[in-house]
Amino acid sequence: MKLFLIAGEPSGDRLGAALMAGLKALVPGVTFEGIGGPHMQAEGLASLFPMEELSVMGIAEVLPKYFPLKRRIAQAAKAALTSGSEALVTIDSPDFCLRVAAIVKAARPGFRTIHYVAPSVWAWRPGRAARMARVIDHVLALLPFEPPYMTAAGMSCDFVGHPVVAEPLATAAEVAAFRAGGAGPILLVLPGSRPGEVSRLAPVFGQVVGRMLARHPGLRVLLPTVRGVAPLVRELTAGWPVVPEIIEDAAAKRTAFAAADVALAASGTVSLELAANGCPMAIAYDMHPLTLWLMRRAALIDTVTLVNLVSETRVVPEFIGADCRAEAIAPALEAVLSDPSSQKAAMALTMERLGRGGEAPGLRAARSVLAAIRR
């Protein structure tokens, strides 16, 4: 068996690698062609071209690369059609992947097309599912409530579990060593991974740190970040009342998530990473007022936090847009720190519903792909 896989982002590369490992366990001798990053290449994929060419976000960033990207779409579609593969498996990156799938379907309607990561039509732009159904046969969903949206649009869909449940956790000994010698609580601060959001959130988060410090003189502040924005983070936090410990190492980040008493985080999938480690949280985010107005007009949900959505609770407090103010955030963060019990229960339920304790998501995804091909 041969499959053609496409991933366009680091997160998709990790999903693709876990899927490939699962497929190799179930179908010895399976081979792959396509596009992927270092994780998929480690599983045996020779990438058609560097995946990094596809990791582009935002209109201003995409426009200068429009014609090169268009050529890569045509190249990927041609390679998929001539590869002798039994199916095309596209992983996230819908702007690129679904265009490739459209060309493939137009040339060969019977070619099986599978997309990994359902679009968040439950949150906004529900019409995306119907448009996707024109070129995709089967979807692998990360969230348990997504399959009905996909099947209603005409695609088959399986919930295969979220990769966060398979990520390694720090040991009790690592956590104890990390916390040794500290007198006050540990606050984890996560202002995002992109320069724009870090620049917008760092001043507010710094004010929250000051208010927390006034109540907890021994406060320890940890700030896990990524290499690309670490210099900016150091610059923006140098004047905070407590200069945070900047953490870039992956193992140290894992321990920090497990050791922290409470977290203040930007909106995003980081809420699931915190839940996986049992770290209670408050979520805050700000953006350009026009962007926020447009998103709120299009929104179909009343919360942006996945822990709230998956657990069907609203226990994680959110401070979005005009509400993203230190005087509002700090008291809520203090309340969570004082009594995290309701969040602890919601986080445990979230992990259970995302697949913790069951078969690894990569293996579940592999079974779903094979079943879709056989159908």
Protein backbone atom coordinates (compact mmCIF):
# COMPACT_ATOMS: atom_id res chain seq x y z
CA MET A 1 0.00 0.00 0.00
CA LYS A 2 1.12 3.54 -0.79
CA LEU A 3 -0.38 6.81 0.49
CA PHE A 4 0.23 10.42 -0.51
CA LEU A 5 0.38 12.71 2.54
CA ILE A 6 0.57 16.51 2.77
CA ALA A 7 1.30 18.57 5.90
CA GLY A 8 1.97 22.30 5.78
CA GLU A 9 2.63 23.28 9.41
CA PRO A 10 4.73 21.93 12.30
CA SER A 11 1.58 20.78 14.13
CA GLY A 12 0.45 18.92 11.02
CA ASP A 13 3.91 17.38 10.66
CA ARG A 14 3.59 15.88 14.15
CA LEU A 15 0.09 14.58 13.41
CA GLY A 16 1.33 13.10 10.13
CA ALA A 17 4.26 11.37 11.80
CA ALA A 18 2.00 9.74 14.41
CA LEU A 19 -0.37 8.64 11.64
CA MET A 20 2.50 7.15 9.63
CA ALA A 21 3.77 5.26 12.68
CA GLY A 22 0.26 3.89 13.23
CA LEU A 23 -0.08 2.84 9.59
CA LYS A 24 3.29 1.08 9.67
CA ALA A 25 2.19 -0.85 12.75
CA LEU A 26 -1.02 -1.98 11.04
CA VAL A 27 0.23 -2.44 7.45
CA PRO A 28 3.85 -3.60 7.33
CA GLY A 29 5.45 -2.49 4.08
CA VAL A 30 3.23 0.60 3.63
CA THR A 31 5.05 3.40 1.78
CA PHE A 32 4.52 7.13 1.57
CA GLU A 33 5.01 10.04 -0.78
CA GLY A 34 4.13 13.67 -0.30
CA ILE A 35 5.12 16.76 1.67
CA GLY A 36 6.08 16.93 5.32
CA GLY A 37 8.55 18.17 7.86
CA PRO A 38 11.23 16.56 9.99
CA HIS A 39 8.89 14.33 12.00
CA MET A 40 7.27 12.82 8.92
CA GLN A 41 10.65 12.51 7.24
CA ALA A 42 11.89 10.56 10.26
CA GLU A 43 9.04 8.10 9.61
CA GLY A 44 10.21 7.57 6.03
CA LEU A 45 8.74 10.38 3.91
CA ALA A 46 10.95 12.00 1.27
CA SER A 47 9.31 15.43 1.05
CA LEU A 48 8.51 16.66 -2.46
CA PHE A 49 9.75 20.11 -1.40
CA PRO A 50 10.42 21.81 1.96
CA MET A 51 7.26 21.97 4.05
CA GLU A 52 8.34 25.39 5.35
CA GLU A 53 7.34 26.92 2.01
CA LEU A 54 3.71 26.33 3.01
CA SER A 55 3.92 27.70 6.56
CA VAL A 56 2.55 31.13 5.69
CA MET A 57 -0.22 32.92 7.60
CA GLY A 58 -2.10 36.14 6.95
CA ILE A 59 -3.04 37.99 3.77
CA ALA A 60 -0.03 40.30 3.87
CA GLU A 61 2.29 37.31 4.14
CA VAL A 62 0.53 35.18 1.51
CA LEU A 63 0.23 37.78 -1.27
CA PRO A 64 3.96 38.00 -2.12
CA LYS A 65 4.07 34.19 -2.29
CA TYR A 66 0.82 33.72 -4.20
CA PHE A 67 2.30 32.54 -7.49
CA PRO A 68 4.96 30.26 -5.94
CA LEU A 69 2.26 28.70 -3.76
CA LYS A 70 0.00 28.23 -6.77
CA ARG A 71 2.80 26.40 -8.55
CA ARG A 72 3.36 24.21 -5.50
CA ILE A 73 -0.37 23.36 -5.41
CA ALA A 74 -0.22 22.21 -9.04
CA GLN A 75 3.00 20.29 -8.40
CA ALA A 76 1.58 18.50 -5.37
CA ALA A 77 -1.65 17.56 -7.19
CA LYS A 78 0.26 16.17 -10.16
CA ALA A 79 2.55 14.18 -7.87
CA ALA A 80 -0.44 12.73 -5.99
CA LEU A 81 -2.15 11.68 -9.22
CA THR A 82 0.95 10.02 -10.66
CA SER A 83 2.22 8.43 -7.44
CA GLY A 84 0.17 5.25 -7.63
CA SER A 85 -1.20 5.97 -4.14
CA GLU A 86 -4.46 4.56 -2.88
CA ALA A 87 -5.50 7.80 -1.19
CA LEU A 88 -4.56 11.42 -0.62
CA VAL A 89 -4.33 12.33 3.07
CA THR A 90 -4.15 16.07 3.71
CA ILE A 91 -3.32 17.29 7.22
CA ASP A 92 -4.67 20.64 8.43
CA SER A 93 -3.44 23.68 6.36
CA PRO A 94 -6.78 23.83 4.49
CA ASP A 95 -5.89 26.79 2.27
CA PHE A 96 -3.21 24.70 0.57
CA CYS A 97 -4.44 21.16 1.12
CA LEU A 98 -8.02 21.57 -0.05
CA ARG A 99 -6.87 23.25 -3.26
CA VAL A 100 -4.69 20.22 -3.97
CA ALA A 101 -7.62 17.91 -3.20
CA ALA A 102 -9.86 19.89 -5.57
CA ILE A 103 -7.46 19.39 -8.49
CA VAL A 104 -7.10 15.69 -7.67
CA LYS A 105 -10.86 15.15 -7.47
CA ALA A 106 -11.49 17.04 -10.69
CA ALA A 107 -8.96 14.89 -12.55
CA ARG A 108 -9.97 11.61 -10.92
CA PRO A 109 -13.32 11.66 -9.06
CA GLY A 110 -12.80 8.18 -7.63
CA PHE A 111 -9.52 9.03 -5.92
CA ARG A 112 -10.04 8.75 -2.13
CA THR A 113 -9.39 12.00 -0.29
CA ILE A 114 -9.03 12.15 3.50
CA HIS A 115 -8.50 15.28 5.60
CA TYR A 116 -7.00 15.18 9.11
CA VAL A 117 -8.33 17.93 11.46
CA ALA A 118 -11.93 18.98 10.99
CA PRO A 119 -12.56 22.69 10.34
CA SER A 120 -14.01 24.47 13.38
CA VAL A 121 -17.38 25.03 11.74
CA TRP A 122 -19.00 24.78 15.19
CA ALA A 123 -17.27 28.07 16.04
CA TRP A 124 -17.64 30.13 12.87
CA ARG A 125 -18.19 29.96 9.08
CA PRO A 126 -20.30 26.76 9.05
CA GLY A 127 -20.42 26.84 5.24
CA ARG A 128 -16.83 25.59 5.15
CA ALA A 129 -17.99 22.02 5.75
CA ALA A 130 -20.21 21.98 2.67
CA ARG A 131 -17.43 23.43 0.50
CA MET A 132 -14.98 20.90 1.89
CA ALA A 133 -17.37 18.02 1.12
CA ARG A 134 -17.01 18.76 -2.60
CA VAL A 135 -13.41 17.53 -2.54
CA ILE A 136 -13.02 15.44 0.65
CA ASP A 137 -14.51 11.99 1.27
CA HIS A 138 -13.50 11.36 4.88
CA VAL A 139 -12.42 13.46 7.88
CA LEU A 140 -10.39 12.64 10.98
CA ALA A 141 -11.62 14.82 13.87
CA LEU A 142 -9.63 15.86 16.94
CA LEU A 143 -12.65 16.86 19.04
CA PRO A 144 -15.46 14.47 20.01
CA PHE A 145 -18.33 16.76 19.04
CA GLU A 146 -17.12 17.40 15.46
CA PRO A 147 -18.25 14.28 13.50
CA PRO A 148 -21.95 15.25 13.27
CA TYR A 149 -21.01 18.54 11.58
CA MET A 150 -18.96 16.67 8.98
CA THR A 151 -21.50 13.93 8.29
CA ALA A 152 -24.27 16.51 7.95
CA ALA A 153 -22.24 18.08 5.14
CA GLY A 154 -21.89 14.74 3.33
CA MET A 155 -18.52 13.39 4.48
CA SER A 156 -17.80 10.38 6.67
CA CYS A 157 -15.94 11.28 9.86
CA ASP A 158 -14.30 9.57 12.83
CA PHE A 159 -13.19 11.11 16.10
CA VAL A 160 -9.62 9.82 16.51
CA GLY A 161 -8.51 11.59 19.68
CA HIS A 162 -6.46 14.71 20.28
CA PRO A 163 -2.64 14.44 20.21
CA VAL A 164 -2.38 16.26 23.53
CA VAL A 165 -3.44 13.06 25.34
CA ALA A 166 -0.38 11.22 24.00
CA GLU A 167 2.20 13.85 24.92
CA PRO A 168 4.66 12.88 27.69
CA LEU A 169 4.14 14.35 31.15
CA ALA A 170 6.71 15.31 33.77
CA THR A 171 7.33 12.80 36.54
CA ALA A 172 6.54 13.49 40.18
CA ALA A 173 10.28 13.58 40.90
CA GLU A 174 10.86 16.18 38.17
CA VAL A 175 8.05 18.34 39.52
CA ALA A 176 9.32 18.06 43.10
CA ALA A 177 12.84 19.06 42.04
CA PHE A 178 11.46 22.00 40.05
CA ARG A 179 9.44 23.28 43.01
CA ALA A 180 12.13 22.72 45.65
CA GLY A 181 13.03 25.75 47.73
CA GLY A 182 10.16 27.96 46.62
CA ALA A 183 7.97 29.61 49.23
CA GLY A 184 5.26 31.24 47.10
CA PRO A 185 2.95 30.01 44.37
CA ILE A 186 4.15 29.41 40.83
CA LEU A 187 2.41 31.43 38.12
CA LEU A 188 2.76 30.24 34.53
CA VAL A 189 2.44 33.09 32.01
CA LEU A 190 1.79 32.26 28.34
CA PRO A 191 1.36 35.37 26.17
CA GLY A 192 1.37 33.49 22.85
CA SER A 193 3.86 32.37 20.23
CA ARG A 194 3.54 35.10 17.59
CA PRO A 195 5.22 38.50 17.85
CA GLY A 196 1.96 40.43 17.42
CA GLU A 197 0.09 38.71 20.21
CA VAL A 198 3.09 38.78 22.55
CA SER A 199 3.50 42.52 21.98
CA ARG A 200 -0.18 43.15 22.64
CA LEU A 201 -0.53 40.91 25.70
CA ALA A 202 2.80 41.34 27.52
CA PRO A 203 2.00 44.77 29.05
CA VAL A 204 -1.35 43.58 30.43
CA PHE A 205 0.10 40.28 31.68
CA GLY A 206 2.89 42.24 33.40
CA GLN A 207 0.29 44.31 35.25
CA VAL A 208 -1.44 41.10 36.36
CA VAL A 209 1.90 39.81 37.67
CA GLY A 210 2.26 43.02 39.72
CA ARG A 211 -1.16 42.58 41.28
CA MET A 212 -0.49 38.92 42.07
CA LEU A 213 2.88 39.83 43.60
CA ALA A 214 1.20 42.27 45.99
CA ARG A 215 -0.78 39.35 47.45
CA HIS A 216 1.99 36.76 47.17
CA PRO A 217 5.44 38.28 47.86
CA GLY A 218 7.18 34.95 47.10
CA LEU A 219 5.53 34.64 43.69
CA ARG A 220 7.57 32.73 41.10
CA VAL A 221 6.78 33.49 37.46
CA LEU A 222 7.56 31.08 34.62
CA LEU A 223 7.23 31.98 30.95
CA PRO A 224 7.62 29.11 28.45
CA THR A 225 8.14 30.40 24.92
CA VAL A 226 9.48 29.44 21.49
CA ARG A 227 12.83 30.37 20.05
CA GLY A 228 11.43 32.75 17.42
CA VAL A 229 9.91 35.17 19.94
CA ALA A 230 12.20 34.58 22.95
CA PRO A 231 14.26 37.79 22.37
CA LEU A 232 11.05 39.85 22.14
CA VAL A 233 9.69 38.19 25.28
CA ARG A 234 12.87 39.04 27.20
CA GLU A 235 12.67 42.64 26.03
CA LEU A 236 9.01 43.09 26.93
CA THR A 237 9.23 41.43 30.34
CA ALA A 238 12.46 43.03 31.56
CA GLY A 239 10.49 45.71 33.43
CA TRP A 240 7.88 43.43 35.02
CA PRO A 241 7.61 43.52 38.86
CA VAL A 242 8.93 39.94 38.80
CA VAL A 243 11.19 39.18 35.85
CA PRO A 244 9.95 35.77 34.66
CA GLU A 245 12.07 32.70 34.15
CA ILE A 246 12.09 32.34 30.35
CA ILE A 247 11.92 28.66 29.37
CA GLU A 248 12.72 27.40 25.86
CA ASP A 249 13.80 23.81 26.50
CA ALA A 250 11.01 21.31 25.74
CA ALA A 251 11.62 19.11 28.80
CA ALA A 252 11.73 22.14 31.11
CA LYS A 253 8.49 23.45 29.57
CA ARG A 254 6.82 20.11 30.27
CA THR A 255 7.91 20.27 33.92
CA ALA A 256 6.84 23.91 34.24
CA PHE A 257 3.31 23.06 33.05
CA ALA A 258 3.05 20.31 35.64
CA ALA A 259 4.63 22.29 38.50
CA ALA A 260 2.68 25.55 38.18
CA ASP A 261 -0.15 26.36 40.59
CA VAL A 262 -2.07 28.53 38.12
CA ALA A 263 -1.65 29.90 34.58
CA LEU A 264 -2.53 33.05 32.67
CA ALA A 265 -2.60 32.16 28.99
CA ALA A 266 -3.44 33.57 25.59
CA SER A 267 -6.42 31.93 23.90
CA GLY A 268 -5.56 28.82 21.88
CA THR A 269 -4.84 25.10 22.12
CA VAL A 270 -2.50 25.83 25.04
CA SER A 271 -5.58 25.47 27.25
CA LEU A 272 -5.56 21.75 26.40
CA GLU A 273 -1.85 21.46 27.26
CA LEU A 274 -2.60 23.05 30.62
CA ALA A 275 -5.53 20.71 31.15
CA ALA A 276 -3.36 17.71 30.32
CA ASN A 277 -1.10 18.77 33.18
CA GLY A 278 -3.92 19.64 35.57
CA CYS A 279 -2.93 23.32 35.74
CA PRO A 280 -5.89 25.66 36.41
CA MET A 281 -6.01 28.79 34.29
CA ALA A 282 -7.50 32.06 33.17
CA ILE A 283 -7.56 32.92 29.45
CA ALA A 284 -7.00 36.41 28.06
CA TYR A 285 -6.65 37.75 24.54
CA ASP A 286 -6.76 41.03 22.69
CA MET A 287 -6.63 41.96 19.02
CA HIS A 288 -7.38 44.82 16.67
CA PRO A 289 -10.90 46.15 17.43
CA LEU A 290 -12.09 45.61 13.85
CA THR A 291 -10.87 42.00 13.84
CA LEU A 292 -12.57 41.40 17.18
CA TRP A 293 -15.83 42.95 15.96
CA LEU A 294 -15.85 40.79 12.82
CA MET A 295 -15.10 37.62 14.78
CA ARG A 296 -17.81 38.28 17.30
CA ARG A 297 -20.35 38.87 14.54
CA ALA A 298 -19.41 35.53 12.95
CA ALA A 299 -19.06 33.52 16.19
CA LEU A 300 -21.46 30.66 16.89
CA ILE A 301 -20.18 29.94 20.42
CA ASP A 302 -20.05 31.83 23.71
CA THR A 303 -16.56 30.69 24.78
CA VAL A 304 -13.20 30.44 23.00
CA THR A 305 -11.63 28.00 25.46
CA LEU A 306 -11.53 24.36 24.38
CA VAL A 307 -11.62 23.10 27.96
CA ASN A 308 -14.98 24.87 28.40
CA LEU A 309 -16.28 23.49 25.12
CA VAL A 310 -15.17 19.88 25.52
CA SER A 311 -16.21 19.62 29.18
CA GLU A 312 -19.47 21.47 28.46
CA THR A 313 -18.78 23.83 31.35
CA ARG A 314 -17.74 27.44 31.60
CA VAL A 315 -15.34 27.11 34.51
CA VAL A 316 -12.32 28.71 32.79
CA PRO A 317 -12.68 32.51 32.99
CA GLU A 318 -12.02 34.46 29.78
CA PHE A 319 -11.05 38.07 29.21
CA ILE A 320 -11.28 38.95 25.53
CA GLY A 321 -10.90 42.32 23.81
CA ALA A 322 -12.00 45.20 26.04
CA ASP A 323 -12.20 42.78 29.00
CA CYS A 324 -8.48 42.02 28.71
CA ARG A 325 -7.54 44.29 31.64
CA ALA A 326 -5.37 43.55 34.65
CA GLU A 327 -7.98 44.84 37.12
CA ALA A 328 -10.44 42.23 35.81
CA ILE A 329 -8.01 39.35 35.24
CA ALA A 330 -6.10 39.41 38.54
CA PRO A 331 -9.11 38.83 40.86
CA ALA A 332 -10.31 35.96 38.68
CA LEU A 333 -6.84 34.42 38.64
CA GLU A 334 -6.69 34.76 42.42
CA ALA A 335 -10.06 33.02 42.75
CA VAL A 336 -8.89 30.13 40.57
CA LEU A 337 -5.71 29.82 42.63
CA SER A 338 -7.73 29.78 45.88
CA ASP A 339 -10.17 27.10 44.70
CA PRO A 340 -9.20 25.15 41.56
CA SER A 341 -11.54 22.21 42.26
CA SER A 342 -14.15 22.90 39.57
CA GLN A 343 -11.46 23.43 36.94
CA LYS A 344 -9.63 20.27 38.01
CA ALA A 345 -12.80 18.25 37.43
CA ALA A 346 -13.46 19.90 34.04
CA MET A 347 -9.86 19.34 32.93
CA ALA A 348 -9.99 15.65 33.87
CA LEU A 349 -13.27 15.27 31.96
CA THR A 350 -11.76 17.08 28.95
CA MET A 351 -8.81 14.69 28.81
CA GLU A 352 -11.10 11.69 29.14
CA ARG A 353 -13.29 12.93 26.27
CA LEU A 354 -10.24 13.65 24.11
CA GLY A 355 -9.10 10.04 24.42
CA ARG A 356 -6.76 9.80 27.40
CA GLY A 357 -6.42 6.21 28.57
CA GLY A 358 -7.46 4.79 25.21
CA GLU A 359 -5.64 3.85 22.05
CA ALA A 360 -3.05 6.38 20.87
CA PRO A 361 -4.52 9.00 18.49
CA GLY A 362 -2.01 8.13 15.74
CA LEU A 363 -3.10 4.50 15.77
CA ARG A 364 -6.79 5.42 15.87
CA ALA A 365 -6.20 7.75 12.93
CA ALA A 366 -4.47 4.96 11.03
CA ARG A 367 -7.43 2.60 11.58
CA SER A 368 -9.80 5.31 10.38
CA VAL A 369 -7.76 5.93 7.21
CA LEU A 370 -7.66 2.23 6.38
CA ALA A 371 -11.42 1.86 6.95
CA ALA A 372 -12.11 4.87 4.71
CA ILE A 373 -9.98 3.40 1.90
CA ARG A 374 -11.72 0.03 2.16
CA ARG A 375 -15.15 1.68 1.96
